[in-house]
Amino acid sequence: MKGREIRGLGAEAFISTHEPKALRSAAGTLDLILSTVFLSPDWPALLRALRPRGTLEFAAREGIAARVEVRPLAEADAALDVVRRGRARYRVVLAA
């Protein structure tokens, strides 16, 4: 599901961090890692996937920005529950 959604947003490739074999096969090939996970990923494996001497100007050049779900501050408890259960599709932002 996530792979299809990510490609729909314009990504050319998607590597699940839950698949160690896929992450190992990507070693030294990535220009950018876009991590939006709530939990801490396997950072050493992710960093090994980066191409040596790369830069992160890609996001600015391609106009990549975060997608957010804005909720009223009055719904803070419900929003936090959604995040804790891993059900947030994007970043949850509380607005006053």
PDB file of N, CA and C in Angstrom:
ATOM      1  N   MET A   1       0.823  -1.198   0.000  1.00  0.00           N
ATOM      2  CA  MET A   1       0.000   0.000   0.000  1.00  0.00           C
ATOM      3  C   MET A   1       0.861   1.253   0.000  1.00  0.00           C
ATOM      4  N   LYS A   2       1.813   1.344   0.923  1.00  0.00           N
ATOM      5  CA  LYS A   2       2.633   2.549   0.989  1.00  0.00           C
ATOM      6  C   LYS A   2       3.438   2.750  -0.277  1.00  0.00           C
ATOM      7  N   GLY A   3       3.996   1.663  -0.832  1.00  0.00           N
ATOM      8  CA  GLY A   3       4.783   1.776  -2.050  1.00  0.00           C
ATOM      9  C   GLY A   3       3.990   2.377  -3.190  1.00  0.00           C
ATOM     10  N   ARG A   4       2.761   1.919  -3.358  1.00  0.00           N
ATOM     11  CA  ARG A   4       1.895   2.439  -4.419  1.00  0.00           C
ATOM     12  C   ARG A   4       1.574   3.912  -4.170  1.00  0.00           C
ATOM     13  N   GLU A   5       1.306   4.265  -2.921  1.00  0.00           N
ATOM     14  CA  GLU A   5       0.982   5.651  -2.588  1.00  0.00           C
ATOM     15  C   GLU A   5       2.191   6.562  -2.812  1.00  0.00           C
ATOM     16  N   ILE A   6       3.365   6.097  -2.403  1.00  0.00           N
ATOM     17  CA  ILE A   6       4.588   6.887  -2.579  1.00  0.00           C
ATOM     18  C   ILE A   6       4.863   7.116  -4.066  1.00  0.00           C
ATOM     19  N   ARG A   7       4.727   6.064  -4.869  1.00  0.00           N
ATOM     20  CA  ARG A   7       4.939   6.220  -6.312  1.00  0.00           C
ATOM     21  C   ARG A   7       3.900   7.179  -6.913  1.00  0.00           C
ATOM     22  N   GLY A   8       2.683   7.156  -6.379  1.00  0.00           N
ATOM     23  CA  GLY A   8       1.643   8.071  -6.838  1.00  0.00           C
ATOM     24  C   GLY A   8       1.984   9.525  -6.553  1.00  0.00           C
ATOM     25  N   LEU A   9       2.825   9.745  -5.553  1.00  0.00           N
ATOM     26  CA  LEU A   9       3.273  11.099  -5.232  1.00  0.00           C
ATOM     27  C   LEU A   9       4.485  11.512  -6.062  1.00  0.00           C
ATOM     28  N   GLY A  10       4.963  10.593  -6.926  1.00  0.00           N
ATOM     29  CA  GLY A  10       6.053  10.940  -7.833  1.00  0.00           C
ATOM     30  C   GLY A  10       7.372  10.239  -7.593  1.00  0.00           C
ATOM     31  N   ALA A  11       7.456   9.384  -6.580  1.00  0.00           N
ATOM     32  CA  ALA A  11       8.714   8.678  -6.324  1.00  0.00           C
ATOM     33  C   ALA A  11       8.991   7.673  -7.433  1.00  0.00           C
ATOM     34  N   GLU A  12      10.252   7.556  -7.806  1.00  0.00           N
ATOM     35  CA  GLU A  12      10.650   6.578  -8.815  1.00  0.00           C
ATOM     36  C   GLU A  12      10.882   5.208  -8.196  1.00  0.00           C
ATOM     37  N   ALA A  13      11.214   5.182  -6.904  1.00  0.00           N
ATOM     38  CA  ALA A  13      11.507   3.913  -6.237  1.00  0.00           C
ATOM     39  C   ALA A  13      11.070   3.993  -4.783  1.00  0.00           C
ATOM     40  N   PHE A  14      10.882   2.829  -4.201  1.00  0.00           N
ATOM     41  CA  PHE A  14      10.472   2.736  -2.798  1.00  0.00           C
ATOM     42  C   PHE A  14      11.161   1.522  -2.203  1.00  0.00           C
ATOM     43  N   ILE A  15      11.797   1.706  -1.042  1.00  0.00           N
ATOM     44  CA  ILE A  15      12.443   0.602  -0.339  1.00  0.00           C
ATOM     45  C   ILE A  15      11.872   0.556   1.064  1.00  0.00           C
ATOM     46  N   SER A  16      11.272  -0.561   1.420  1.00  0.00           N
ATOM     47  CA  SER A  16      10.724  -0.713   2.755  1.00  0.00           C
ATOM     48  C   SER A  16      11.844  -0.980   3.752  1.00  0.00           C
ATOM     49  N   THR A  17      11.885  -0.208   4.817  1.00  0.00           N
ATOM     50  CA  THR A  17      12.902  -0.420   5.846  1.00  0.00           C
ATOM     51  C   THR A  17      12.610  -1.673   6.651  1.00  0.00           C
ATOM     52  N   HIS A  18      11.453  -2.261   6.445  1.00  0.00           N
ATOM     53  CA  HIS A  18      11.110  -3.520   7.119  1.00  0.00           C
ATOM     54  C   HIS A  18      11.635  -4.737   6.363  1.00  0.00           C
ATOM     55  N   GLU A  19      12.268  -4.494   5.221  1.00  0.00           N
ATOM     56  CA  GLU A  19      12.816  -5.578   4.410  1.00  0.00           C
ATOM     57  C   GLU A  19      14.338  -5.444   4.363  1.00  0.00           C
ATOM     58  N   PRO A  20      15.052  -6.065   5.324  1.00  0.00           N
ATOM     59  CA  PRO A  20      16.510  -5.920   5.396  1.00  0.00           C
ATOM     60  C   PRO A  20      17.227  -6.269   4.092  1.00  0.00           C
ATOM     61  N   LYS A  21      16.740  -7.282   3.373  1.00  0.00           N
ATOM     62  CA  LYS A  21      17.384  -7.679   2.115  1.00  0.00           C
ATOM     63  C   LYS A  21      17.299  -6.546   1.079  1.00  0.00           C
ATOM     64  N   ALA A  22      16.153  -5.907   1.003  1.00  0.00           N
ATOM     65  CA  ALA A  22      15.981  -4.798   0.063  1.00  0.00           C
ATOM     66  C   ALA A  22      16.879  -3.622   0.445  1.00  0.00           C
ATOM     67  N   LEU A  23      16.980  -3.363   1.721  1.00  0.00           N
ATOM     68  CA  LEU A  23      17.821  -2.264   2.193  1.00  0.00           C
ATOM     69  C   LEU A  23      19.301  -2.549   1.919  1.00  0.00           C
ATOM     70  N   ARG A  24      19.730  -3.800   2.128  1.00  0.00           N
ATOM     71  CA  ARG A  24      21.125  -4.170   1.827  1.00  0.00           C
ATOM     72  C   ARG A  24      21.421  -4.048   0.337  1.00  0.00           C
ATOM     73  N   SER A  25      20.469  -4.418  -0.492  1.00  0.00           N
ATOM     74  CA  SER A  25      20.703  -4.349  -1.936  1.00  0.00           C
ATOM     75  C   SER A  25      20.786  -2.906  -2.436  1.00  0.00           C
ATOM     76  N   ALA A  26      20.300  -1.964  -1.645  1.00  0.00           N
ATOM     77  CA  ALA A  26      20.344  -0.550  -2.027  1.00  0.00           C
ATOM     78  C   ALA A  26      21.619   0.150  -1.561  1.00  0.00           C
ATOM     79  N   ALA A  27      22.511  -0.563  -0.901  1.00  0.00           N
ATOM     80  CA  ALA A  27      23.728   0.054  -0.337  1.00  0.00           C
ATOM     81  C   ALA A  27      24.472   0.873  -1.386  1.00  0.00           C
ATOM     82  N   GLY A  28      24.763   2.128  -1.020  1.00  0.00           N
ATOM     83  CA  GLY A  28      25.543   3.017  -1.874  1.00  0.00           C
ATOM     84  C   GLY A  28      24.823   3.541  -3.095  1.00  0.00           C
ATOM     85  N   THR A  29      23.491   3.422  -3.143  1.00  0.00           N
ATOM     86  CA  THR A  29      22.761   3.812  -4.356  1.00  0.00           C
ATOM     87  C   THR A  29      21.842   5.019  -4.185  1.00  0.00           C
ATOM     88  N   LEU A  30      21.549   5.415  -2.973  1.00  0.00           N
ATOM     89  CA  LEU A  30      20.554   6.464  -2.761  1.00  0.00           C
ATOM     90  C   LEU A  30      21.170   7.850  -2.641  1.00  0.00           C
ATOM     91  N   ASP A  31      20.505   8.827  -3.242  1.00  0.00           N
ATOM     92  CA  ASP A  31      20.914  10.223  -3.110  1.00  0.00           C
ATOM     93  C   ASP A  31      20.239  10.877  -1.914  1.00  0.00           C
ATOM     94  N   LEU A  32      19.117  10.333  -1.507  1.00  0.00           N
ATOM     95  CA  LEU A  32      18.292  10.964  -0.483  1.00  0.00           C
ATOM     96  C   LEU A  32      17.535   9.905   0.295  1.00  0.00           C
ATOM     97  N   ILE A  33      17.429  10.105   1.593  1.00  0.00           N
ATOM     98  CA  ILE A  33      16.564   9.270   2.425  1.00  0.00           C
ATOM     99  C   ILE A  33      15.523  10.195   3.036  1.00  0.00           C
ATOM    100  N   LEU A  34      14.284   9.915   2.781  1.00  0.00           N
ATOM    101  CA  LEU A  34      13.185  10.684   3.339  1.00  0.00           C
ATOM    102  C   LEU A  34      12.494   9.798   4.357  1.00  0.00           C
ATOM    103  N   SER A  35      12.786  10.021   5.615  1.00  0.00           N
ATOM    104  CA  SER A  35      12.232   9.192   6.678  1.00  0.00           C
ATOM    105  C   SER A  35      11.176   9.976   7.432  1.00  0.00           C
ATOM    106  N   THR A  36       9.965   9.427   7.479  1.00  0.00           N
ATOM    107  CA  THR A  36       8.858  10.089   8.179  1.00  0.00           C
ATOM    108  C   THR A  36       8.268   9.185   9.245  1.00  0.00           C
ATOM    109  N   VAL A  37       9.034   8.202   9.656  1.00  0.00           N
ATOM    110  CA  VAL A  37       8.506   7.214  10.589  1.00  0.00           C
ATOM    111  C   VAL A  37       8.426   7.759  12.009  1.00  0.00           C
ATOM    112  N   PHE A  38       7.482   7.220  12.758  1.00  0.00           N
ATOM    113  CA  PHE A  38       7.303   7.596  14.155  1.00  0.00           C
ATOM    114  C   PHE A  38       8.354   6.932  15.031  1.00  0.00           C
ATOM    115  N   LEU A  39       8.690   5.682  14.698  1.00  0.00           N
ATOM    116  CA  LEU A  39       9.689   4.938  15.455  1.00  0.00           C
ATOM    117  C   LEU A  39      11.062   5.114  14.822  1.00  0.00           C
ATOM    118  N   SER A  40      12.100   4.833  15.569  1.00  0.00           N
ATOM    119  CA  SER A  40      13.455   4.970  15.071  1.00  0.00           C
ATOM    120  C   SER A  40      13.802   3.836  14.104  1.00  0.00           C
ATOM    121  N   PRO A  41      14.210   4.163  12.881  1.00  0.00           N
ATOM    122  CA  PRO A  41      14.567   3.118  11.926  1.00  0.00           C
ATOM    123  C   PRO A  41      15.970   2.571  12.195  1.00  0.00           C
ATOM    124  N   ASP A  42      16.404   1.637  11.392  1.00  0.00           N
ATOM    125  CA  ASP A  42      17.754   1.093  11.467  1.00  0.00           C
ATOM    126  C   ASP A  42      18.685   2.086  10.771  1.00  0.00           C
ATOM    127  N   TRP A  43      19.118   3.118  11.514  1.00  0.00           N
ATOM    128  CA  TRP A  43      19.930   4.188  10.928  1.00  0.00           C
ATOM    129  C   TRP A  43      21.211   3.691  10.284  1.00  0.00           C
ATOM    130  N   PRO A  44      21.972   2.778  10.902  1.00  0.00           N
ATOM    131  CA  PRO A  44      23.198   2.312  10.228  1.00  0.00           C
ATOM    132  C   PRO A  44      22.910   1.720   8.844  1.00  0.00           C
ATOM    133  N   ALA A  45      21.852   0.936   8.719  1.00  0.00           N
ATOM    134  CA  ALA A  45      21.511   0.346   7.416  1.00  0.00           C
ATOM    135  C   ALA A  45      21.079   1.434   6.431  1.00  0.00           C
ATOM    136  N   LEU A  46      20.310   2.400   6.912  1.00  0.00           N
ATOM    137  CA  LEU A  46      19.892   3.496   6.040  1.00  0.00           C
ATOM    138  C   LEU A  46      21.083   4.312   5.556  1.00  0.00           C
ATOM    139  N   LEU A  47      21.995   4.622   6.453  1.00  0.00           N
ATOM    140  CA  LEU A  47      23.164   5.420   6.064  1.00  0.00           C
ATOM    141  C   LEU A  47      24.055   4.671   5.077  1.00  0.00           C
ATOM    142  N   ARG A  48      24.131   3.350   5.198  1.00  0.00           N
ATOM    143  CA  ARG A  48      24.904   2.559   4.222  1.00  0.00           C
ATOM    144  C   ARG A  48      24.266   2.621   2.835  1.00  0.00           C
ATOM    145  N   ALA A  49      22.979   2.900   2.775  1.00  0.00           N
ATOM    146  CA  ALA A  49      22.289   2.959   1.484  1.00  0.00           C
ATOM    147  C   ALA A  49      22.587   4.256   0.728  1.00  0.00           C
ATOM    148  N   LEU A  50      23.089   5.272   1.429  1.00  0.00           N
ATOM    149  CA  LEU A  50      23.398   6.538   0.764  1.00  0.00           C
ATOM    150  C   LEU A  50      24.604   6.409  -0.157  1.00  0.00           C
ATOM    151  N   ARG A  51      24.524   7.107  -1.277  1.00  0.00           N
ATOM    152  CA  ARG A  51      25.631   7.169  -2.224  1.00  0.00           C
ATOM    153  C   ARG A  51      26.739   8.038  -1.609  1.00  0.00           C
ATOM    154  N   PRO A  52      27.986   7.617  -1.728  1.00  0.00           N
ATOM    155  CA  PRO A  52      29.087   8.432  -1.175  1.00  0.00           C
ATOM    156  C   PRO A  52      29.138   9.809  -1.818  1.00  0.00           C
ATOM    157  N   ARG A  53      29.477  10.798  -1.017  1.00  0.00           N
ATOM    158  CA  ARG A  53      29.658  12.188  -1.448  1.00  0.00           C
ATOM    159  C   ARG A  53      28.402  12.807  -2.074  1.00  0.00           C
ATOM    160  N   GLY A  54      27.241  12.368  -1.642  1.00  0.00           N
ATOM    161  CA  GLY A  54      26.000  12.920  -2.173  1.00  0.00           C
ATOM    162  C   GLY A  54      25.646  14.233  -1.490  1.00  0.00           C
ATOM    163  N   THR A  55      24.694  14.938  -2.027  1.00  0.00           N
ATOM    164  CA  THR A  55      24.199  16.169  -1.410  1.00  0.00           C
ATOM    165  C   THR A  55      22.683  16.025  -1.250  1.00  0.00           C
ATOM    166  N   LEU A  56      22.048  16.864  -0.421  1.00  0.00           N
ATOM    167  CA  LEU A  56      20.598  16.799  -0.208  1.00  0.00           C
ATOM    168  C   LEU A  56      19.885  18.016  -0.758  1.00  0.00           C
ATOM    169  N   GLU A  57      20.403  18.574  -1.881  1.00  0.00           N
ATOM    170  CA  GLU A  57      19.751  19.694  -2.548  1.00  0.00           C
ATOM    171  C   GLU A  57      18.549  19.232  -3.361  1.00  0.00           C
ATOM    172  N   PHE A  58      18.395  17.924  -3.485  1.00  0.00           N
ATOM    173  CA  PHE A  58      17.339  17.333  -4.294  1.00  0.00           C
ATOM    174  C   PHE A  58      15.956  17.829  -3.887  1.00  0.00           C
ATOM    175  N   ALA A  59      15.654  17.835  -2.596  1.00  0.00           N
ATOM    176  CA  ALA A  59      14.325  18.228  -2.125  1.00  0.00           C
ATOM    177  C   ALA A  59      13.994  19.661  -2.536  1.00  0.00           C
ATOM    178  N   ALA A  60      14.947  20.556  -2.367  1.00  0.00           N
ATOM    179  CA  ALA A  60      14.704  21.951  -2.746  1.00  0.00           C
ATOM    180  C   ALA A  60      14.520  22.080  -4.260  1.00  0.00           C
ATOM    181  N   ARG A  61      15.359  21.411  -5.021  1.00  0.00           N
ATOM    182  CA  ARG A  61      15.299  21.492  -6.480  1.00  0.00           C
ATOM    183  C   ARG A  61      13.987  20.929  -7.031  1.00  0.00           C
ATOM    184  N   GLU A  62      13.489  19.854  -6.424  1.00  0.00           N
ATOM    185  CA  GLU A  62      12.286  19.191  -6.914  1.00  0.00           C
ATOM    186  C   GLU A  62      11.005  19.678  -6.238  1.00  0.00           C
ATOM    187  N   GLY A  63      11.137  20.638  -5.305  1.00  0.00           N
ATOM    188  CA  GLY A  63       9.955  21.183  -4.636  1.00  0.00           C
ATOM    189  C   GLY A  63       9.275  20.210  -3.691  1.00  0.00           C
ATOM    190  N   ILE A  64      10.059  19.342  -3.070  1.00  0.00           N
ATOM    191  CA  ILE A  64       9.498  18.353  -2.154  1.00  0.00           C
ATOM    192  C   ILE A  64       9.229  19.010  -0.804  1.00  0.00           C
ATOM    193  N   ALA A  65       8.028  18.852  -0.318  1.00  0.00           N
ATOM    194  CA  ALA A  65       7.642  19.416   0.974  1.00  0.00           C
ATOM    195  C   ALA A  65       6.834  18.370   1.737  1.00  0.00           C
ATOM    196  N   ALA A  66       6.734  18.560   3.026  1.00  0.00           N
ATOM    197  CA  ALA A  66       6.002  17.615   3.872  1.00  0.00           C
ATOM    198  C   ALA A  66       4.500  17.695   3.611  1.00  0.00           C
ATOM    199  N   ARG A  67       3.837  16.565   3.682  1.00  0.00           N
ATOM    200  CA  ARG A  67       2.375  16.524   3.658  1.00  0.00           C
ATOM    201  C   ARG A  67       1.921  16.434   5.108  1.00  0.00           C
ATOM    202  N   VAL A  68       0.949  17.225   5.453  1.00  0.00           N
ATOM    203  CA  VAL A  68       0.494  17.249   6.841  1.00  0.00           C
ATOM    204  C   VAL A  68      -1.014  17.091   6.914  1.00  0.00           C
ATOM    205  N   GLU A  69      -1.442  16.613   8.051  1.00  0.00           N
ATOM    206  CA  GLU A  69      -2.863  16.527   8.376  1.00  0.00           C
ATOM    207  C   GLU A  69      -3.083  17.516   9.517  1.00  0.00           C
ATOM    208  N   VAL A  70      -3.810  18.591   9.260  1.00  0.00           N
ATOM    209  CA  VAL A  70      -4.035  19.633  10.267  1.00  0.00           C
ATOM    210  C   VAL A  70      -5.297  19.298  11.045  1.00  0.00           C
ATOM    211  N   ARG A  71      -5.154  19.320  12.363  1.00  0.00           N
ATOM    212  CA  ARG A  71      -6.297  19.070  13.252  1.00  0.00           C
ATOM    213  C   ARG A  71      -6.407  20.219  14.248  1.00  0.00           C
ATOM    214  N   PRO A  72      -7.618  20.527  14.683  1.00  0.00           N
ATOM    215  CA  PRO A  72      -7.786  21.584  15.686  1.00  0.00           C
ATOM    216  C   PRO A  72      -7.157  21.161  17.012  1.00  0.00           C
ATOM    217  N   LEU A  73      -6.659  22.125  17.743  1.00  0.00           N
ATOM    218  CA  LEU A  73      -6.041  21.860  19.038  1.00  0.00           C
ATOM    219  C   LEU A  73      -7.005  21.141  19.978  1.00  0.00           C
ATOM    220  N   ALA A  74      -8.288  21.402  19.830  1.00  0.00           N
ATOM    221  CA  ALA A  74      -9.298  20.752  20.666  1.00  0.00           C
ATOM    222  C   ALA A  74      -9.319  19.231  20.462  1.00  0.00           C
ATOM    223  N   GLU A  75      -8.759  18.749  19.347  1.00  0.00           N
ATOM    224  CA  GLU A  75      -8.717  17.316  19.056  1.00  0.00           C
ATOM    225  C   GLU A  75      -7.342  16.711  19.345  1.00  0.00           C
ATOM    226  N   ALA A  76      -6.567  17.374  20.190  1.00  0.00           N
ATOM    227  CA  ALA A  76      -5.202  16.922  20.464  1.00  0.00           C
ATOM    228  C   ALA A  76      -5.153  15.492  20.980  1.00  0.00           C
ATOM    229  N   ASP A  77      -6.024  15.135  21.895  1.00  0.00           N
ATOM    230  CA  ASP A  77      -6.014  13.773  22.439  1.00  0.00           C
ATOM    231  C   ASP A  77      -6.307  12.734  21.358  1.00  0.00           C
ATOM    232  N   ALA A  78      -7.288  13.010  20.533  1.00  0.00           N
ATOM    233  CA  ALA A  78      -7.636  12.077  19.452  1.00  0.00           C
ATOM    234  C   ALA A  78      -6.498  11.989  18.433  1.00  0.00           C
ATOM    235  N   ALA A  79      -5.876  13.118  18.118  1.00  0.00           N
ATOM    236  CA  ALA A  79      -4.761  13.125  17.169  1.00  0.00           C
ATOM    237  C   ALA A  79      -3.580  12.327  17.713  1.00  0.00           C
ATOM    238  N   LEU A  80      -3.280  12.505  18.991  1.00  0.00           N
ATOM    239  CA  LEU A  80      -2.185  11.758  19.606  1.00  0.00           C
ATOM    240  C   LEU A  80      -2.481  10.263  19.603  1.00  0.00           C
ATOM    241  N   ASP A  81      -3.722   9.899  19.810  1.00  0.00           N
ATOM    242  CA  ASP A  81      -4.105   8.490  19.774  1.00  0.00           C
ATOM    243  C   ASP A  81      -3.878   7.898  18.382  1.00  0.00           C
ATOM    244  N   VAL A  82      -4.221   8.655  17.351  1.00  0.00           N
ATOM    245  CA  VAL A  82      -4.012   8.210  15.970  1.00  0.00           C
ATOM    246  C   VAL A  82      -2.521   7.978  15.706  1.00  0.00           C
ATOM    247  N   VAL A  83      -1.683   8.898  16.174  1.00  0.00           N
ATOM    248  CA  VAL A  83      -0.228   8.770  15.997  1.00  0.00           C
ATOM    249  C   VAL A  83       0.298   7.555  16.759  1.00  0.00           C
ATOM    250  N   ARG A  84      -0.102   7.410  17.994  1.00  0.00           N
ATOM    251  CA  ARG A  84       0.372   6.288  18.819  1.00  0.00           C
ATOM    252  C   ARG A  84      -0.013   4.931  18.237  1.00  0.00           C
ATOM    253  N   ARG A  85      -1.175   4.861  17.593  1.00  0.00           N
ATOM    254  CA  ARG A  85      -1.617   3.599  16.998  1.00  0.00           C
ATOM    255  C   ARG A  85      -1.014   3.380  15.606  1.00  0.00           C
ATOM    256  N   GLY A  86      -0.201   4.341  15.146  1.00  0.00           N
ATOM    257  CA  GLY A  86       0.425   4.204  13.839  1.00  0.00           C
ATOM    258  C   GLY A  86      -0.540   4.384  12.686  1.00  0.00           C
ATOM    259  N   ARG A  87      -1.612   5.111  12.916  1.00  0.00           N
ATOM    260  CA  ARG A  87      -2.657   5.295  11.900  1.00  0.00           C
ATOM    261  C   ARG A  87      -2.560   6.631  11.159  1.00  0.00           C
ATOM    262  N   ALA A  88      -1.624   7.483  11.524  1.00  0.00           N
ATOM    263  CA  ALA A  88      -1.484   8.775  10.842  1.00  0.00           C
ATOM    264  C   ALA A  88      -0.900   8.540   9.450  1.00  0.00           C
ATOM    265  N   ARG A  89      -1.535   9.062   8.432  1.00  0.00           N
ATOM    266  CA  ARG A  89      -1.044   8.896   7.052  1.00  0.00           C
ATOM    267  C   ARG A  89       0.097   9.868   6.765  1.00  0.00           C
ATOM    268  N   TYR A  90       0.046  11.050   7.366  1.00  0.00           N
ATOM    269  CA  TYR A  90       1.065  12.065   7.178  1.00  0.00           C
ATOM    270  C   TYR A  90       1.392  12.648   8.542  1.00  0.00           C
ATOM    271  N   ARG A  91       2.166  13.685   8.589  1.00  0.00           N
ATOM    272  CA  ARG A  91       2.458  14.352   9.854  1.00  0.00           C
ATOM    273  C   ARG A  91       1.191  15.005  10.367  1.00  0.00           C
ATOM    274  N   VAL A  92       0.929  14.860  11.653  1.00  0.00           N
ATOM    275  CA  VAL A  92      -0.242  15.477  12.266  1.00  0.00           C
ATOM    276  C   VAL A  92       0.200  16.787  12.903  1.00  0.00           C
ATOM    277  N   VAL A  93      -0.467  17.870  12.513  1.00  0.00           N
ATOM    278  CA  VAL A  93      -0.147  19.198  13.017  1.00  0.00           C
ATOM    279  C   VAL A  93      -1.381  19.745  13.718  1.00  0.00           C
ATOM    280  N   LEU A  94      -1.184  20.244  14.936  1.00  0.00           N
ATOM    281  CA  LEU A  94      -2.293  20.832  15.697  1.00  0.00           C
ATOM    282  C   LEU A  94      -2.316  22.336  15.461  1.00  0.00           C
ATOM    283  N   ALA A  95      -3.500  22.862  15.154  1.00  0.00           N
ATOM    284  CA  ALA A  95      -3.664  24.294  14.907  1.00  0.00           C
ATOM    285  C   ALA A  95      -4.584  24.895  15.960  1.00  0.00           C
ATOM    286  N   ALA A  96      -4.191  26.033  16.484  1.00  0.00           N
ATOM    287  CA  ALA A  96      -4.997  26.714  17.511  1.00  0.00           C
ATOM    288  C   ALA A  96      -6.206  27.384  16.897  1.00  0.00           C
TER     289      ALA A  96
END
